Amino acid sequence: MAKQDYGQKRRSGSSASRKPARQPAPRRAPPPPPPRRLPLGLTLVTLAVVAGLAYLLYFLLNTPPDAAAPATEPAAKAVQPVPAKPAVKSEPVPVVEPKESRFEFYEKLPKAEIVAPKVEAYKSTPKDAVMEHRYLLQAGSFRDPADAERMRARLILEGLPGVRTDRSEGSNGTWYRVRIGPFDNRTAMNQASNRLGKLSIIPMEVRID
C-alpha cells in the first residue's frame, strides 16, 4: 500500500510541476480601406445634370400659364377654311324650233308634183351576136415543136375546131403556139373555152383584126 501511495503522489507532483500552456495572442483587425474618390469628370457631369434639372424646375414653376398659349396659335392658323368658289351661272341653251313640223310636210306632199325620170328601155345583146372583131384561143406556147405537136393532136382528138400551130420568132427566141379558131361568134368561142377548161387548160384570147 505504501508503494502505491508513493506512486500516486509522484504522478500528482509531476503534474503539478508542469507549466500551463500559452494562449495565442489575438490578431489585429486589418485597417479599413480608404474611401474611393469619384473621378473629377463624373463629378462635374453629375453637378451639371443636377443644376440643369434645378433650372428647368425653376423655369416651369415661374412661367405663367398664359405664356404657353401662343405656341399653339400657328397650328390653329394653319387650318383655314377655303373660300367657296362662286357658282357659275349656266346660261340657258336656246332651243331651235323646227321650221316645219312633220304634219306640215305631209300636208304639202300631195300638192307637190313628182316627175318620174325617163328610163330608156334596156336592150339585151343576144348571146349569138356576131362580135366586132375576130379572136383566137391560145391553148399553149412551147419552145420545143414536138411538145406543141402533141398538144395539137390532143385537141384535134377532143373535137375542137380550127386547131393549128403558129411559129413566131422574136428577140427571146422561137416559140410554137397552139391556137384554136378563129371565132367571130361569142357563143362558139365560149363553148370552146369551156371544153379547154375541162382539160385543165386555161386559154388566152388573142385578137387578130
Protein backbone atom coordinates (compact mmCIF):
# COMPACT_ATOMS: atom_id res chain seq x y z
CA MET A 1 0.00 0.00 0.00
CA ALA A 2 2.82 2.37 0.76
CA LYS A 3 4.28 1.89 -2.72
CA GLN A 4 1.02 2.66 -4.38
CA ASP A 5 0.58 5.86 -2.45
CA TYR A 6 4.04 6.92 -3.31
CA GLY A 7 3.42 6.39 -6.97
CA GLN A 8 0.29 8.40 -6.90
CA LYS A 9 1.98 11.27 -5.11
CA ARG A 10 4.73 11.25 -7.62
CA ARG A 11 2.36 11.47 -10.52
CA SER A 12 0.40 14.17 -8.87
CA GLY A 13 3.55 16.10 -8.07
CA SER A 14 4.83 15.83 -11.60
CA SER A 15 1.56 17.03 -13.00
CA ALA A 16 1.54 19.96 -10.64
CA SER A 17 5.04 20.88 -11.59
CA ARG A 18 4.01 21.30 -15.31
CA LYS A 19 3.53 24.89 -16.52
CA PRO A 20 0.27 25.92 -18.12
CA ALA A 21 0.31 26.28 -21.99
CA ARG A 22 0.42 29.82 -23.52
CA GLN A 23 -2.63 31.05 -25.37
CA PRO A 24 -2.04 32.65 -28.79
CA ALA A 25 -2.20 36.45 -28.94
CA PRO A 26 -5.32 37.85 -30.64
CA ARG A 27 -4.81 39.00 -34.25
CA ARG A 28 -5.29 42.65 -35.06
CA ALA A 29 -8.06 43.51 -37.49
CA PRO A 30 -6.78 44.99 -40.80
CA PRO A 31 -7.33 48.73 -41.13
CA PRO A 32 -10.40 49.72 -43.22
CA PRO A 33 -9.60 50.62 -46.85
CA PRO A 34 -9.57 54.32 -47.62
CA PRO A 35 -12.82 55.61 -49.27
CA ARG A 36 -12.76 55.65 -53.06
CA ARG A 37 -12.86 59.05 -54.67
CA LEU A 38 -15.10 59.66 -57.70
CA PRO A 39 -13.37 60.80 -60.89
CA LEU A 40 -13.37 64.54 -61.41
CA GLY A 41 -15.13 64.30 -64.80
CA LEU A 42 -18.00 62.22 -63.42
CA THR A 43 -18.42 64.64 -60.55
CA LEU A 44 -18.65 67.62 -62.91
CA VAL A 45 -21.21 65.87 -65.14
CA THR A 46 -23.34 64.96 -62.14
CA LEU A 47 -23.27 68.53 -60.88
CA ALA A 48 -24.20 69.85 -64.35
CA VAL A 49 -27.19 67.49 -64.62
CA VAL A 50 -28.42 68.42 -61.16
CA ALA A 51 -28.04 72.12 -61.95
CA GLY A 52 -29.93 71.72 -65.25
CA LEU A 53 -32.82 69.90 -63.59
CA ALA A 54 -32.99 72.57 -60.92
CA TYR A 55 -33.08 75.34 -63.54
CA LEU A 56 -35.78 73.57 -65.54
CA LEU A 57 -37.90 73.10 -62.45
CA TYR A 58 -37.43 76.75 -61.53
CA PHE A 59 -38.39 77.88 -65.06
CA LEU A 60 -41.55 75.77 -65.11
CA LEU A 61 -42.64 77.00 -61.71
CA ASN A 62 -42.12 80.69 -62.54
CA THR A 63 -43.63 80.64 -66.08
CA PRO A 64 -47.25 81.94 -66.17
CA PRO A 65 -49.83 79.68 -67.88
CA ASP A 66 -50.68 82.37 -70.50
CA ALA A 67 -47.16 82.25 -71.95
CA ALA A 68 -47.66 78.73 -73.41
CA ALA A 69 -50.79 79.70 -75.37
CA PRO A 70 -49.03 81.42 -78.37
CA ALA A 71 -47.19 78.19 -79.14
CA THR A 72 -50.45 76.57 -80.25
CA GLU A 73 -51.64 79.52 -82.34
CA PRO A 74 -49.68 78.62 -85.53
CA ALA A 75 -51.34 75.21 -85.60
CA ALA A 76 -54.74 76.84 -85.35
CA LYS A 77 -53.89 79.32 -88.09
CA ALA A 78 -52.64 76.55 -90.40
CA VAL A 79 -56.15 75.21 -90.90
CA GLN A 80 -58.16 77.90 -92.62
CA PRO A 81 -61.42 77.37 -94.41
CA VAL A 82 -61.06 77.51 -98.18
CA PRO A 83 -63.30 80.18 -99.62
CA ALA A 84 -66.03 78.65 -101.72
CA LYS A 85 -65.82 79.38 -105.43
CA PRO A 86 -68.65 81.44 -106.81
CA ALA A 87 -71.21 79.33 -108.56
CA VAL A 88 -71.03 79.54 -112.33
CA LYS A 89 -74.28 80.64 -113.77
CA SER A 90 -75.35 78.29 -116.51
CA GLU A 91 -76.79 80.08 -119.47
CA PRO A 92 -79.92 78.52 -120.94
CA VAL A 93 -79.35 76.78 -124.23
CA PRO A 94 -81.52 78.30 -126.91
CA VAL A 95 -83.97 75.83 -128.33
CA VAL A 96 -84.14 75.89 -132.11
CA GLU A 97 -87.66 75.33 -133.24
CA PRO A 98 -88.07 73.36 -136.46
CA LYS A 99 -89.23 75.41 -139.36
CA GLU A 100 -91.72 72.82 -140.47
CA SER A 101 -93.28 70.08 -138.44
CA ARG A 102 -93.83 66.59 -139.70
CA PHE A 103 -97.51 67.24 -140.20
CA GLU A 104 -96.85 70.27 -142.38
CA PHE A 105 -94.58 68.12 -144.57
CA TYR A 106 -97.30 65.56 -145.15
CA GLU A 107 -99.81 68.33 -145.89
CA LYS A 108 -97.57 69.78 -148.60
CA LEU A 109 -96.68 66.39 -150.10
CA PRO A 110 -99.92 65.91 -152.12
CA LYS A 111 -99.57 69.39 -153.59
CA ALA A 112 -96.05 68.71 -154.92
CA GLU A 113 -95.70 67.44 -158.45
CA ILE A 114 -93.43 64.43 -158.77
CA VAL A 115 -91.84 63.97 -162.17
CA ALA A 116 -90.52 60.46 -162.81
CA PRO A 117 -87.26 60.30 -164.78
CA LYS A 118 -87.42 58.75 -168.21
CA VAL A 119 -85.53 55.46 -168.42
CA GLU A 120 -84.67 54.09 -171.81
CA ALA A 121 -85.70 50.55 -172.49
CA TYR A 122 -82.94 48.02 -171.81
CA LYS A 123 -81.72 46.34 -174.94
CA SER A 124 -80.23 42.93 -174.27
CA THR A 125 -77.48 41.68 -176.51
CA PRO A 126 -78.29 38.23 -177.90
CA LYS A 127 -75.85 35.51 -176.99
CA ASP A 128 -75.36 34.52 -180.62
CA ALA A 129 -74.49 38.05 -181.73
CA VAL A 130 -71.57 38.41 -184.05
CA MET A 131 -68.53 40.06 -182.45
CA GLU A 132 -66.97 43.15 -183.98
CA HIS A 133 -63.53 41.50 -184.09
CA ARG A 134 -62.23 38.00 -184.58
CA TYR A 135 -60.32 36.13 -181.88
CA LEU A 136 -58.15 33.05 -181.44
CA LEU A 137 -57.91 30.92 -178.32
CA GLN A 138 -54.27 30.16 -177.49
CA ALA A 139 -54.02 26.86 -175.61
CA GLY A 140 -50.24 26.77 -175.10
CA SER A 141 -46.82 28.09 -176.10
CA PHE A 142 -43.73 25.85 -176.32
CA ARG A 143 -40.05 26.09 -177.18
CA ASP A 144 -39.94 22.51 -178.49
CA PRO A 145 -42.06 21.89 -181.62
CA ALA A 146 -42.62 18.27 -180.52
CA ASP A 147 -44.47 19.47 -177.39
CA ALA A 148 -46.62 21.76 -179.49
CA GLU A 149 -47.43 18.92 -181.90
CA ARG A 150 -48.53 16.63 -179.05
CA MET A 151 -50.96 19.27 -177.73
CA ARG A 152 -52.32 19.96 -181.24
CA ALA A 153 -53.05 16.26 -181.76
CA ARG A 154 -54.76 16.01 -178.39
CA LEU A 155 -57.05 18.98 -179.09
CA ILE A 156 -57.97 17.62 -182.51
CA LEU A 157 -59.00 14.32 -180.89
CA GLU A 158 -61.22 16.31 -178.47
CA GLY A 159 -63.06 17.76 -181.46
CA LEU A 160 -62.05 21.40 -181.03
CA PRO A 161 -62.40 23.47 -184.22
CA GLY A 162 -59.55 25.02 -186.16
CA VAL A 163 -56.60 23.64 -184.13
CA ARG A 164 -53.26 24.79 -185.53
CA THR A 165 -49.65 25.55 -184.57
CA ASP A 166 -48.18 29.01 -185.27
CA ARG A 167 -44.45 29.64 -185.24
CA SER A 168 -43.20 33.04 -184.11
CA GLU A 169 -39.68 34.38 -183.78
CA GLY A 170 -38.60 37.32 -181.70
CA SER A 171 -35.84 38.72 -179.52
CA ASN A 172 -36.43 35.98 -176.96
CA GLY A 173 -36.18 33.13 -179.50
CA THR A 174 -38.58 30.89 -181.40
CA TRP A 175 -41.94 29.90 -179.94
CA TYR A 176 -44.54 27.38 -181.12
CA ARG A 177 -48.05 28.41 -180.12
CA VAL A 178 -51.05 26.06 -180.31
CA ARG A 179 -54.19 28.04 -181.17
CA ILE A 180 -57.89 27.37 -181.88
CA GLY A 181 -60.15 29.38 -184.15
CA PRO A 182 -60.68 32.00 -185.36
CA PHE A 183 -64.03 32.90 -183.76
CA ASP A 184 -66.38 35.72 -184.70
CA ASN A 185 -69.25 34.41 -182.54
CA ARG A 186 -69.22 34.81 -178.77
CA THR A 187 -71.21 31.63 -178.15
CA ALA A 188 -68.89 29.41 -180.17
CA MET A 189 -65.80 30.88 -178.51
CA ASN A 190 -67.26 30.39 -175.02
CA GLN A 191 -68.09 26.77 -175.77
CA ALA A 192 -64.52 26.10 -176.95
CA SER A 193 -63.12 27.85 -173.86
CA ASN A 194 -65.27 25.67 -171.57
CA ARG A 195 -64.05 22.48 -173.28
CA LEU A 196 -60.44 23.58 -172.78
CA GLY A 197 -61.17 24.25 -169.10
CA LYS A 198 -62.33 20.66 -168.65
CA LEU A 199 -58.91 19.60 -169.97
CA SER A 200 -57.22 21.79 -167.29
CA ILE A 201 -56.14 24.27 -169.98
CA ILE A 202 -56.73 27.99 -169.40
CA PRO A 203 -56.85 29.63 -172.85
CA MET A 204 -55.85 33.18 -173.70
CA GLU A 205 -57.93 35.30 -176.10
CA VAL A 206 -55.87 36.77 -178.95
CA ARG A 207 -57.39 39.42 -181.20
CA ILE A 208 -56.37 39.02 -184.85
CA ASP A 209 -58.08 42.03 -186.56
